[in-house]
Amino acid sequence: MRIITGTGGGTLTEDQEDVLIQFNIYSDDPSSEAVCDIFQEISDAFNEPDDEDELDIENYKVVSMTRHDEPYMLNRWEEKGIFVWDLMSQFRIIVSKT
């Protein structure tokens, strides 16, 4: 996971932060199933508000969570005779301090 960018902002009554997070998931499994399963778990946490899987950030209220890239990037490459799956996706989170 990488935080790509974070900017302050807000409304008339509260400060907000807008953060773009990038996830890179790697696997040397012959199938892409492992990286896709992990991606689905991450995606569920970001895209299902009011759900038990919702992302929880201490001292912040989550205003919105959305996937930033469409579609995600799934690549397969070789390094030293090992084939590796690489799935990259970005999510945007807007939070306000509580």
C-alpha atoms as a PDB file:
ATOM      1  CA  MET A   1       0.000   0.000   0.000  1.00  0.00           C
ATOM      2  CA  ARG A   2       1.183   3.528  -0.842  1.00  0.00           C
ATOM      3  CA  ILE A   3      -0.424   6.841  -0.080  1.00  0.00           C
ATOM      4  CA  ILE A   4      -0.147   8.604  -3.431  1.00  0.00           C
ATOM      5  CA  THR A   5      -1.490  11.995  -2.431  1.00  0.00           C
ATOM      6  CA  GLY A   6      -3.282  13.693   0.408  1.00  0.00           C
ATOM      7  CA  THR A   7      -4.798  17.144   0.339  1.00  0.00           C
ATOM      8  CA  GLY A   8      -6.738  19.170   2.841  1.00  0.00           C
ATOM      9  CA  GLY A   9     -10.056  20.681   2.026  1.00  0.00           C
ATOM     10  CA  GLY A  10     -13.339  21.098   3.668  1.00  0.00           C
ATOM     11  CA  THR A  11     -16.764  22.521   3.926  1.00  0.00           C
ATOM     12  CA  LEU A  12     -18.034  25.518   5.818  1.00  0.00           C
ATOM     13  CA  THR A  13     -18.279  23.495   9.038  1.00  0.00           C
ATOM     14  CA  GLU A  14     -15.560  20.823   8.960  1.00  0.00           C
ATOM     15  CA  ASP A  15     -12.049  20.060   7.742  1.00  0.00           C
ATOM     16  CA  GLN A  16     -11.687  17.191   5.317  1.00  0.00           C
ATOM     17  CA  GLU A  17      -8.768  15.239   3.920  1.00  0.00           C
ATOM     18  CA  ASP A  18      -8.750  13.659   0.482  1.00  0.00           C
ATOM     19  CA  VAL A  19      -6.311  10.736   0.197  1.00  0.00           C
ATOM     20  CA  LEU A  20      -5.445   8.530  -2.768  1.00  0.00           C
ATOM     21  CA  ILE A  21      -4.127   5.092  -1.737  1.00  0.00           C
ATOM     22  CA  GLN A  22      -2.511   2.631  -4.139  1.00  0.00           C
ATOM     23  CA  PHE A  23      -2.390  -1.114  -3.487  1.00  0.00           C
ATOM     24  CA  ASN A  24       0.048  -3.401  -5.321  1.00  0.00           C
ATOM     25  CA  ILE A  25      -0.669  -7.099  -4.786  1.00  0.00           C
ATOM     26  CA  TYR A  26       1.884  -9.703  -5.885  1.00  0.00           C
ATOM     27  CA  SER A  27       1.705 -13.495  -6.201  1.00  0.00           C
ATOM     28  CA  ASP A  28       3.848 -16.178  -7.806  1.00  0.00           C
ATOM     29  CA  ASP A  29       0.855 -18.559  -8.009  1.00  0.00           C
ATOM     30  CA  PRO A  30       0.331 -20.034 -11.498  1.00  0.00           C
ATOM     31  CA  SER A  31      -3.190 -18.538 -11.444  1.00  0.00           C
ATOM     32  CA  SER A  32      -4.227 -14.911 -10.896  1.00  0.00           C
ATOM     33  CA  GLU A  33      -6.918 -16.126  -8.470  1.00  0.00           C
ATOM     34  CA  ALA A  34      -4.931 -15.241  -5.304  1.00  0.00           C
ATOM     35  CA  VAL A  35      -4.322 -11.599  -6.261  1.00  0.00           C
ATOM     36  CA  CYS A  36      -7.913 -11.233  -7.473  1.00  0.00           C
ATOM     37  CA  ASP A  37      -9.269 -12.625  -4.177  1.00  0.00           C
ATOM     38  CA  ILE A  38      -7.129 -10.201  -2.146  1.00  0.00           C
ATOM     39  CA  PHE A  39      -8.203  -7.335  -4.382  1.00  0.00           C
ATOM     40  CA  GLN A  40     -11.860  -8.254  -3.851  1.00  0.00           C
ATOM     41  CA  GLU A  41     -11.412  -8.106  -0.055  1.00  0.00           C
ATOM     42  CA  ILE A  42      -9.813  -4.662  -0.323  1.00  0.00           C
ATOM     43  CA  SER A  43     -12.468  -3.492  -2.755  1.00  0.00           C
ATOM     44  CA  ASP A  44     -15.264  -4.677  -0.435  1.00  0.00           C
ATOM     45  CA  ALA A  45     -13.788  -2.676   2.454  1.00  0.00           C
ATOM     46  CA  PHE A  46     -13.745   0.480   0.332  1.00  0.00           C
ATOM     47  CA  ASN A  47     -17.020   0.117  -1.549  1.00  0.00           C
ATOM     48  CA  GLU A  48     -19.528  -1.148   1.001  1.00  0.00           C
ATOM     49  CA  PRO A  49     -20.360   1.712   3.379  1.00  0.00           C
ATOM     50  CA  ASP A  50     -22.467   0.894   6.431  1.00  0.00           C
ATOM     51  CA  ASP A  51     -21.245  -2.689   6.275  1.00  0.00           C
ATOM     52  CA  GLU A  52     -19.298  -4.642   8.892  1.00  0.00           C
ATOM     53  CA  ASP A  53     -16.320  -4.605   6.505  1.00  0.00           C
ATOM     54  CA  GLU A  54     -16.293  -0.802   6.344  1.00  0.00           C
ATOM     55  CA  LEU A  55     -12.927   0.847   6.750  1.00  0.00           C
ATOM     56  CA  ASP A  56     -12.426   2.281  10.260  1.00  0.00           C
ATOM     57  CA  ILE A  57      -9.943   5.131  10.783  1.00  0.00           C
ATOM     58  CA  GLU A  58      -9.313   6.282  14.352  1.00  0.00           C
ATOM     59  CA  ASN A  59     -10.320   9.926  15.026  1.00  0.00           C
ATOM     60  CA  TYR A  60     -11.839  10.309  11.549  1.00  0.00           C
ATOM     61  CA  LYS A  61     -15.275   9.901  10.015  1.00  0.00           C
ATOM     62  CA  VAL A  62     -15.247   8.393   6.520  1.00  0.00           C
ATOM     63  CA  VAL A  63     -17.154  10.695   4.161  1.00  0.00           C
ATOM     64  CA  SER A  64     -16.658   8.640   1.008  1.00  0.00           C
ATOM     65  CA  MET A  65     -14.579   5.762  -0.334  1.00  0.00           C
ATOM     66  CA  THR A  66     -14.381   5.016  -4.044  1.00  0.00           C
ATOM     67  CA  ARG A  67     -12.189   3.105  -6.429  1.00  0.00           C
ATOM     68  CA  HIS A  68     -10.174   5.655  -8.373  1.00  0.00           C
ATOM     69  CA  ASP A  69      -8.973   3.585 -11.316  1.00  0.00           C
ATOM     70  CA  GLU A  70     -11.219   1.716 -13.692  1.00  0.00           C
ATOM     71  CA  PRO A  71     -10.269  -0.927 -14.604  1.00  0.00           C
ATOM     72  CA  TYR A  72      -7.532  -2.068 -12.236  1.00  0.00           C
ATOM     73  CA  MET A  73      -4.222  -3.144 -13.790  1.00  0.00           C
ATOM     74  CA  LEU A  74      -3.388  -6.873 -13.750  1.00  0.00           C
ATOM     75  CA  ASN A  75      -0.009  -7.845 -15.197  1.00  0.00           C
ATOM     76  CA  ARG A  76       2.110 -10.977 -15.305  1.00  0.00           C
ATOM     77  CA  TRP A  77       5.879 -10.712 -15.593  1.00  0.00           C
ATOM     78  CA  GLU A  78       8.925 -12.911 -15.171  1.00  0.00           C
ATOM     79  CA  GLU A  79      11.881 -12.363 -12.860  1.00  0.00           C
ATOM     80  CA  LYS A  80      14.723 -14.897 -12.568  1.00  0.00           C
ATOM     81  CA  GLY A  81      12.564 -17.669 -14.026  1.00  0.00           C
ATOM     82  CA  ILE A  82       9.627 -16.983 -11.684  1.00  0.00           C
ATOM     83  CA  PHE A  83       6.357 -15.680 -13.115  1.00  0.00           C
ATOM     84  CA  VAL A  84       4.682 -13.091 -10.892  1.00  0.00           C
ATOM     85  CA  TRP A  85       1.173 -11.639 -10.957  1.00  0.00           C
ATOM     86  CA  ASP A  86       0.965  -7.923 -10.109  1.00  0.00           C
ATOM     87  CA  LEU A  87      -2.389  -6.266  -9.514  1.00  0.00           C
ATOM     88  CA  MET A  88      -2.444  -2.495  -8.948  1.00  0.00           C
ATOM     89  CA  SER A  89      -5.478  -0.474  -7.913  1.00  0.00           C
ATOM     90  CA  GLN A  90      -6.131   2.933  -6.393  1.00  0.00           C
ATOM     91  CA  PHE A  91      -8.817   4.082  -3.967  1.00  0.00           C
ATOM     92  CA  ARG A  92      -9.823   7.606  -2.960  1.00  0.00           C
ATOM     93  CA  ILE A  93     -10.899   8.267   0.633  1.00  0.00           C
ATOM     94  CA  ILE A  94     -12.382  11.514   1.894  1.00  0.00           C
ATOM     95  CA  VAL A  95     -12.423  11.778   5.690  1.00  0.00           C
ATOM     96  CA  SER A  96     -13.286  14.445   8.241  1.00  0.00           C
ATOM     97  CA  LYS A  97     -11.750  14.777  11.695  1.00  0.00           C
ATOM     98  CA  THR A  98     -14.039  13.806  14.541  1.00  0.00           C
END
